[in-house]
Amino acid sequence: MLQVINPTPLPATLAVFANPAGVESAYIAVKATFDLTTGKPQLSARQAGFLATDVYWGDPTQSSLRAAADLTLTKPTTDILLLGRAVAPHPVDTMTVSLRVGPVMRRLQLFGERTWQRQRDGWVISPPQPFERMPLRWELAYGGATPPKPDLPPEVDARNPVGRGLIGQQERDFDGRPLPCIEDPDQLIQHPGDRPGPAGLAPIPPAWQPRLGRAGTYDADWQRTRAPYLPLDFNPLFFNTAPPGLIAPTYLEGGEAVEIEGCSAGGPLRFALPRLNIDLLWDFDGRRLPARPALDTVLIEPDQGRLQMVWRAELAVDKKLTRLRQVELHCSDILVEEPA
């Protein structure tokens, strides 16, 4: 009977999937949860479990992801995600939120509620309404759909179907239409026809672009020659749920400096990602195969005072799953360093 031998304080789980090449493979995920309430990561006494499926804020066709599944195939590099709210020290009409993790940096410009208004010389943006808290969700970023017409289906922004700000070409559709509250400071909306990239820090659902475009082609040829395996043009970056700009160029290793501004009443959060020395040993087909899992997910939740990190490794067993006797997990060190 296949066993996971895990003497560490970290939850681990094993799943079996066909890899992108169609080869039966075993995947092990290791998850560590850290408490950030003191400002420095401390291993939590209560470790979070694994999410088997994506969790949405509401109807998956009309809301964004609340949390992405932990059980997945190997990600080609590290996702960096933040779930939470913008927090201002007093009512403001605009503010900046920023997230930096090692080589990755992302800024958001936030505005209070605004609409398009008609003036004599054209269309202008109304003054933003003051706010102190704002959820960092895709519903408040650029996207959405154009107003419905009796003779035409609405145009939907495939990058963020649940967002706001997308309007049609007819001026009668402009008046009173809300603008996004969350924007990219390098692509601020100036005109009703502007179509910037949606800006956010939360995970992207699999049915949205650019993830959907990485899923490959599922046509008659695929049905005839490849199904049920993934198509030959499948891009493994599909498994990365982070938005553009938050997928690290290479796997993070721990020790990277983290700085978050605008998400905590206590001011900026600064710490270093914990560095964990995790090793495992596959007992497969009479051999003991060492491996080191890769850190492929970093999830920061300032509201919860929580940091979650997930490492993953895979082993191709190719119809020999019964010869995989056990996986033995070791974690020799959990190092929490001062940020550089």
Protein backbone atom coordinates (compact mmCIF):
# COMPACT_ATOMS: atom_id res chain seq x y z
CA MET A 1 0.00 0.00 0.00
CA LEU A 2 1.40 3.39 -1.03
CA GLN A 3 2.39 5.50 1.96
CA VAL A 4 3.59 9.03 2.56
CA ILE A 5 6.05 8.98 5.46
CA ASN A 6 6.05 12.48 6.85
CA PRO A 7 7.74 13.14 10.21
CA THR A 8 7.78 16.91 9.54
CA PRO A 9 5.30 19.48 10.92
CA LEU A 10 4.21 20.29 7.35
CA PRO A 11 1.14 18.80 5.63
CA ALA A 12 1.88 16.73 2.54
CA THR A 13 -0.39 15.02 0.03
CA LEU A 14 0.08 12.69 -2.92
CA ALA A 15 -1.97 12.63 -6.13
CA VAL A 16 -1.69 10.73 -9.40
CA PHE A 17 -2.33 12.37 -12.77
CA ALA A 18 -1.25 11.90 -16.36
CA ASN A 19 1.46 14.48 -16.98
CA PRO A 20 1.28 16.80 -20.04
CA ALA A 21 3.00 14.10 -22.12
CA GLY A 22 0.31 11.60 -21.13
CA VAL A 23 2.55 9.58 -18.78
CA GLU A 24 1.05 8.46 -15.47
CA SER A 25 2.87 10.39 -12.74
CA ALA A 26 2.82 10.79 -8.98
CA TYR A 27 2.77 14.33 -7.62
CA ILE A 28 3.57 15.23 -4.03
CA ALA A 29 2.75 18.66 -2.60
CA VAL A 30 4.11 20.04 0.67
CA LYS A 31 2.50 23.10 2.24
CA ALA A 32 3.76 25.41 4.98
CA THR A 33 1.67 28.05 6.73
CA PHE A 34 3.32 30.93 8.57
CA ASP A 35 1.89 33.52 10.95
CA LEU A 36 2.72 37.13 10.01
CA THR A 37 1.02 38.91 12.91
CA THR A 38 4.34 39.74 14.60
CA GLY A 39 5.78 41.06 11.34
CA LYS A 40 8.20 38.14 11.01
CA PRO A 41 7.06 34.75 9.66
CA GLN A 42 6.57 32.13 12.37
CA LEU A 43 5.55 28.57 11.58
CA SER A 44 1.86 28.34 12.50
CA ALA A 45 0.77 25.89 15.16
CA ARG A 46 -2.27 25.22 12.98
CA GLN A 47 -1.22 24.33 9.44
CA ALA A 48 -3.67 24.91 6.58
CA GLY A 49 -4.83 21.89 4.60
CA PHE A 50 -4.93 21.43 0.84
CA LEU A 51 -7.62 22.76 -1.48
CA ALA A 52 -8.67 20.07 -3.94
CA THR A 53 -10.61 22.46 -6.20
CA ASP A 54 -10.82 26.15 -7.03
CA VAL A 55 -13.03 28.23 -4.72
CA TYR A 56 -14.96 31.24 -6.10
CA TRP A 57 -16.56 34.21 -4.37
CA GLY A 58 -19.92 33.19 -5.86
CA ASP A 59 -21.19 31.74 -9.12
CA PRO A 60 -18.02 30.74 -11.04
CA THR A 61 -19.44 32.32 -14.21
CA GLN A 62 -20.02 35.66 -12.47
CA SER A 63 -17.32 35.99 -9.82
CA SER A 64 -13.56 35.75 -9.39
CA LEU A 65 -11.43 33.16 -7.65
CA ARG A 66 -11.30 33.33 -3.88
CA ALA A 67 -8.59 30.65 -3.75
CA ALA A 68 -6.90 28.44 -6.34
CA ALA A 69 -6.63 24.68 -5.90
CA ASP A 70 -3.45 23.28 -4.36
CA LEU A 71 -3.74 19.93 -6.15
CA THR A 72 -2.37 20.45 -9.63
CA LEU A 73 0.34 19.30 -11.98
CA THR A 74 3.78 20.85 -11.81
CA LYS A 75 3.99 24.60 -12.36
CA PRO A 76 6.97 25.67 -14.52
CA THR A 77 7.85 28.42 -12.04
CA THR A 78 6.59 30.20 -8.92
CA ASP A 79 3.21 31.92 -8.59
CA ILE A 80 3.13 35.00 -6.35
CA LEU A 81 -0.36 35.86 -5.10
CA LEU A 82 -1.92 38.27 -2.63
CA LEU A 83 -5.47 38.06 -1.28
CA GLY A 84 -6.77 40.89 0.84
CA ARG A 85 -7.78 44.55 0.92
CA ALA A 86 -6.25 47.93 0.44
CA VAL A 87 -6.14 49.77 3.76
CA ALA A 88 -5.80 53.56 4.00
CA PRO A 89 -4.98 55.35 7.29
CA HIS A 90 -7.86 57.79 6.65
CA PRO A 91 -10.39 58.42 3.86
CA VAL A 92 -8.62 58.92 0.52
CA ASP A 93 -9.79 59.22 -3.07
CA THR A 94 -6.75 57.40 -4.47
CA MET A 95 -3.84 55.33 -3.16
CA THR A 96 -1.12 52.94 -4.26
CA VAL A 97 -0.77 49.27 -3.36
CA SER A 98 2.49 47.51 -4.14
CA LEU A 99 3.86 43.99 -3.81
CA ARG A 100 7.50 43.01 -4.19
CA VAL A 101 8.81 39.47 -3.75
CA GLY A 102 12.42 38.99 -4.79
CA PRO A 103 12.72 39.94 -8.48
CA VAL A 104 8.98 40.45 -8.94
CA MET A 105 7.32 43.84 -8.44
CA ARG A 106 3.70 44.91 -9.07
CA ARG A 107 1.94 48.21 -8.35
CA LEU A 108 -1.75 49.03 -8.39
CA GLN A 109 -3.37 52.47 -8.42
CA LEU A 110 -6.69 52.50 -6.57
CA PHE A 111 -9.50 55.04 -6.95
CA GLY A 112 -12.81 55.53 -5.21
CA GLU A 113 -16.00 54.99 -7.22
CA ARG A 114 -16.01 57.00 -10.48
CA THR A 115 -18.24 57.27 -13.54
CA TRP A 116 -18.08 58.76 -17.01
CA GLN A 117 -19.80 62.16 -17.22
CA ARG A 118 -20.67 64.32 -20.20
CA GLN A 119 -19.21 67.81 -20.42
CA ARG A 120 -19.38 70.36 -23.17
CA ASP A 121 -15.98 69.39 -24.59
CA GLY A 122 -16.41 65.62 -24.28
CA TRP A 123 -16.36 62.89 -21.68
CA VAL A 124 -14.67 63.28 -18.31
CA ILE A 125 -14.15 61.09 -15.27
CA SER A 126 -16.06 62.12 -12.16
CA PRO A 127 -14.10 62.87 -8.97
CA PRO A 128 -13.44 59.64 -7.03
CA GLN A 129 -15.45 58.98 -3.89
CA PRO A 130 -13.38 58.69 -0.68
CA PHE A 131 -12.70 55.24 0.73
CA GLU A 132 -10.67 53.64 3.53
CA ARG A 133 -10.92 49.95 2.61
CA MET A 134 -11.15 48.28 -0.78
CA PRO A 135 -11.15 44.56 -1.59
CA LEU A 136 -8.42 43.64 -4.07
CA ARG A 137 -10.70 41.60 -6.29
CA TRP A 138 -11.02 41.32 -10.06
CA GLU A 139 -14.59 42.62 -9.87
CA LEU A 140 -13.13 46.11 -9.29
CA ALA A 141 -10.48 45.91 -12.03
CA TYR A 142 -10.86 46.70 -15.73
CA GLY A 143 -12.95 44.25 -17.72
CA GLY A 144 -16.58 43.17 -17.77
CA ALA A 145 -18.98 43.33 -20.69
CA THR A 146 -20.55 45.97 -22.90
CA PRO A 147 -24.22 46.87 -22.33
CA PRO A 148 -26.56 44.32 -23.95
CA LYS A 149 -28.29 45.24 -27.20
CA PRO A 150 -31.48 43.71 -28.66
CA ASP A 151 -29.70 42.76 -31.89
CA LEU A 152 -26.15 42.11 -30.66
CA PRO A 153 -24.62 39.94 -27.93
CA PRO A 154 -22.49 41.87 -25.44
CA GLU A 155 -18.74 42.02 -25.94
CA VAL A 156 -16.96 40.36 -23.01
CA ASP A 157 -13.38 41.00 -21.92
CA ALA A 158 -11.95 37.47 -21.83
CA ARG A 159 -9.15 38.62 -19.51
CA ASN A 160 -11.61 39.61 -16.77
CA PRO A 161 -15.27 38.89 -17.58
CA VAL A 162 -16.45 39.98 -14.11
CA GLY A 163 -14.70 43.37 -14.10
CA ARG A 164 -15.92 46.85 -14.97
CA GLY A 165 -15.03 49.61 -17.40
CA LEU A 166 -15.53 47.97 -20.79
CA ILE A 167 -18.03 50.03 -22.76
CA GLY A 168 -19.29 49.99 -26.33
CA GLN A 169 -18.63 52.40 -29.18
CA GLN A 170 -21.92 54.31 -28.95
CA GLU A 171 -21.82 57.44 -26.82
CA ARG A 172 -25.24 56.83 -25.35
CA ASP A 173 -23.64 53.91 -23.50
CA PHE A 174 -21.02 56.08 -21.80
CA ASP A 175 -23.00 58.27 -19.41
CA GLY A 176 -22.88 57.04 -15.82
CA ARG A 177 -20.89 53.90 -16.62
CA PRO A 178 -18.54 53.01 -13.74
CA LEU A 179 -14.79 52.96 -14.19
CA PRO A 180 -12.54 50.37 -12.58
CA CYS A 181 -11.38 51.16 -9.07
CA ILE A 182 -8.14 49.19 -9.55
CA GLU A 183 -5.79 50.17 -12.37
CA ASP A 184 -2.25 49.71 -13.59
CA PRO A 185 -0.50 53.05 -12.87
CA ASP A 186 1.28 52.73 -16.23
CA GLN A 187 -2.02 52.29 -18.13
CA LEU A 188 -4.42 54.71 -16.46
CA ILE A 189 -7.69 55.16 -18.31
CA GLN A 190 -8.00 58.56 -19.99
CA HIS A 191 -10.72 58.00 -22.61
CA PRO A 192 -13.88 55.85 -22.79
CA GLY A 193 -12.36 53.69 -25.52
CA ASP A 194 -9.19 52.83 -23.58
CA ARG A 195 -8.75 49.10 -22.97
CA PRO A 196 -5.87 48.55 -20.55
CA GLY A 197 -4.82 45.23 -19.12
CA PRO A 198 -6.73 44.26 -15.96
CA ALA A 199 -4.62 44.92 -12.86
CA GLY A 200 -4.69 42.68 -9.81
CA LEU A 201 -2.83 40.42 -7.41
CA ALA A 202 -5.32 37.55 -7.07
CA PRO A 203 -5.38 34.23 -8.97
CA ILE A 204 -6.83 33.97 -12.48
CA PRO A 205 -9.50 31.32 -13.20
CA PRO A 206 -8.73 28.68 -15.86
CA ALA A 207 -11.46 29.96 -18.21
CA TRP A 208 -9.96 33.47 -18.39
CA GLN A 209 -7.16 34.73 -20.60
CA PRO A 210 -4.24 34.35 -20.64
CA ARG A 211 -4.66 30.94 -18.95
CA LEU A 212 -7.29 29.73 -21.39
CA GLY A 213 -4.98 30.41 -24.33
CA ARG A 214 -2.38 28.11 -22.79
CA ALA A 215 -4.78 25.17 -22.52
CA GLY A 216 -4.21 24.05 -26.11
CA THR A 217 -6.49 22.94 -28.94
CA TYR A 218 -9.33 20.48 -28.32
CA ASP A 219 -10.62 19.76 -31.81
CA ALA A 220 -11.61 16.71 -33.86
CA ASP A 221 -7.97 15.83 -34.49
CA TRP A 222 -7.30 15.89 -30.74
CA GLN A 223 -10.36 13.71 -30.16
CA ARG A 224 -9.14 11.20 -32.74
CA THR A 225 -5.42 11.04 -31.90
CA ARG A 226 -4.82 12.37 -28.39
CA ALA A 227 -7.84 12.32 -26.06
CA PRO A 228 -8.08 12.00 -23.09
CA TYR A 229 -4.56 13.40 -22.71
CA LEU A 230 -3.63 17.07 -22.97
CA PRO A 231 -3.14 18.39 -26.52
CA LEU A 232 0.33 18.68 -27.99
CA ASP A 233 0.11 22.49 -27.99
CA PHE A 234 -0.72 22.60 -24.27
CA ASN A 235 1.46 25.11 -22.38
CA PRO A 236 2.31 24.07 -18.78
CA LEU A 237 2.14 27.75 -17.79
CA PHE A 238 -1.61 27.07 -17.74
CA PHE A 239 -1.07 25.70 -14.23
CA ASN A 240 0.31 29.06 -13.07
CA THR A 241 -2.64 31.01 -11.68
CA ALA A 242 -0.86 34.30 -10.93
CA PRO A 243 -1.71 37.31 -13.13
CA PRO A 244 0.79 38.76 -15.60
CA GLY A 245 3.73 40.30 -13.79
CA LEU A 246 3.44 37.99 -10.77
CA ILE A 247 4.82 34.79 -12.28
CA ALA A 248 8.48 34.64 -11.24
CA PRO A 249 11.05 34.23 -14.03
CA THR A 250 12.48 31.17 -12.23
CA TYR A 251 11.54 29.20 -9.13
CA LEU A 252 11.95 31.12 -5.89
CA GLU A 253 14.02 29.35 -3.25
CA GLY A 254 13.15 31.15 -0.02
CA GLY A 255 15.09 34.00 1.52
CA GLU A 256 13.75 36.53 -1.00
CA ALA A 257 12.80 39.93 0.40
CA VAL A 258 9.07 40.72 0.57
CA GLU A 259 7.60 44.22 0.80
CA ILE A 260 3.88 45.01 0.76
CA GLU A 261 2.53 48.55 0.91
CA GLY A 262 -1.08 49.65 1.29
CA CYS A 263 -2.56 46.43 2.70
CA SER A 264 -2.16 46.87 6.45
CA ALA A 265 -3.27 49.49 8.97
CA GLY A 266 0.10 49.09 10.68
CA GLY A 267 2.03 50.28 7.64
CA PRO A 268 4.20 48.39 5.15
CA LEU A 269 4.91 44.70 5.70
CA ARG A 270 8.55 43.70 5.26
CA PHE A 271 9.98 40.24 5.77
CA ALA A 272 11.96 37.53 4.00
CA LEU A 273 10.39 34.37 2.66
CA PRO A 274 11.28 31.48 4.96
CA ARG A 275 13.88 29.12 3.55
CA LEU A 276 12.99 25.44 4.04
CA ASN A 277 15.35 22.58 3.26
CA ILE A 278 12.85 19.99 2.03
CA ASP A 279 13.98 16.68 0.55
CA LEU A 280 12.10 13.54 -0.34
CA LEU A 281 12.86 9.96 -1.27
CA TRP A 282 10.74 7.99 -3.75
CA ASP A 283 10.77 4.22 -3.14
CA PHE A 284 9.93 3.09 -6.66
CA ASP A 285 10.51 -0.12 -8.60
CA GLY A 286 13.18 -1.34 -6.20
CA ARG A 287 15.08 1.95 -6.26
CA ARG A 288 15.31 4.83 -3.81
CA LEU A 289 15.23 8.05 -5.79
CA PRO A 290 16.07 11.35 -4.05
CA ALA A 291 14.34 14.55 -5.13
CA ARG A 292 14.01 18.15 -4.02
CA PRO A 293 10.57 19.71 -4.54
CA ALA A 294 10.32 23.16 -6.10
CA LEU A 295 8.61 26.13 -4.45
CA ASP A 296 5.81 26.89 -6.92
CA THR A 297 3.30 28.94 -4.90
CA VAL A 298 3.64 31.90 -2.53
CA LEU A 299 0.32 33.20 -1.19
CA ILE A 300 0.24 36.22 1.13
CA GLU A 301 -2.92 37.15 3.04
CA PRO A 302 -2.28 40.37 5.00
CA ASP A 303 -5.84 40.49 6.41
CA GLN A 304 -5.35 37.04 7.90
CA GLY A 305 -1.75 37.69 8.94
CA ARG A 306 -0.83 34.58 6.99
CA LEU A 307 1.72 33.33 4.48
CA GLN A 308 1.33 30.02 2.64
CA MET A 309 4.04 28.33 0.56
CA VAL A 310 3.68 25.18 -1.55
CA TRP A 311 6.45 22.93 -2.86
CA ARG A 312 5.86 20.23 -5.47
CA ALA A 313 7.69 17.29 -7.04
CA GLU A 314 6.68 14.65 -9.56
CA LEU A 315 7.76 11.15 -10.54
CA ALA A 316 6.77 9.49 -13.82
CA VAL A 317 5.64 5.94 -12.99
CA ASP A 318 4.28 5.02 -16.47
CA LYS A 319 1.76 2.27 -15.64
CA LYS A 320 3.88 1.05 -12.72
CA LEU A 321 2.07 2.86 -9.93
CA THR A 322 1.83 -0.34 -7.88
CA ARG A 323 5.65 -0.37 -7.75
CA LEU A 324 5.69 2.97 -5.94
CA ARG A 325 5.83 1.78 -2.33
CA GLN A 326 6.28 5.02 -0.44
CA VAL A 327 7.45 8.62 -0.42
CA GLU A 328 9.57 9.74 2.50
CA LEU A 329 9.67 13.44 3.35
CA HIS A 330 12.39 15.29 5.28
CA CYS A 331 12.69 18.93 6.35
CA SER A 332 16.04 19.57 8.02
CA ASP A 333 15.76 23.34 8.52
CA ILE A 334 13.19 26.12 8.59
CA LEU A 335 15.18 29.34 8.33
CA VAL A 336 13.55 32.74 8.84
CA GLU A 337 15.95 35.51 7.89
CA GLU A 338 15.84 39.26 8.16
CA PRO A 339 14.90 40.96 4.86
CA ALA A 340 17.82 42.33 2.88
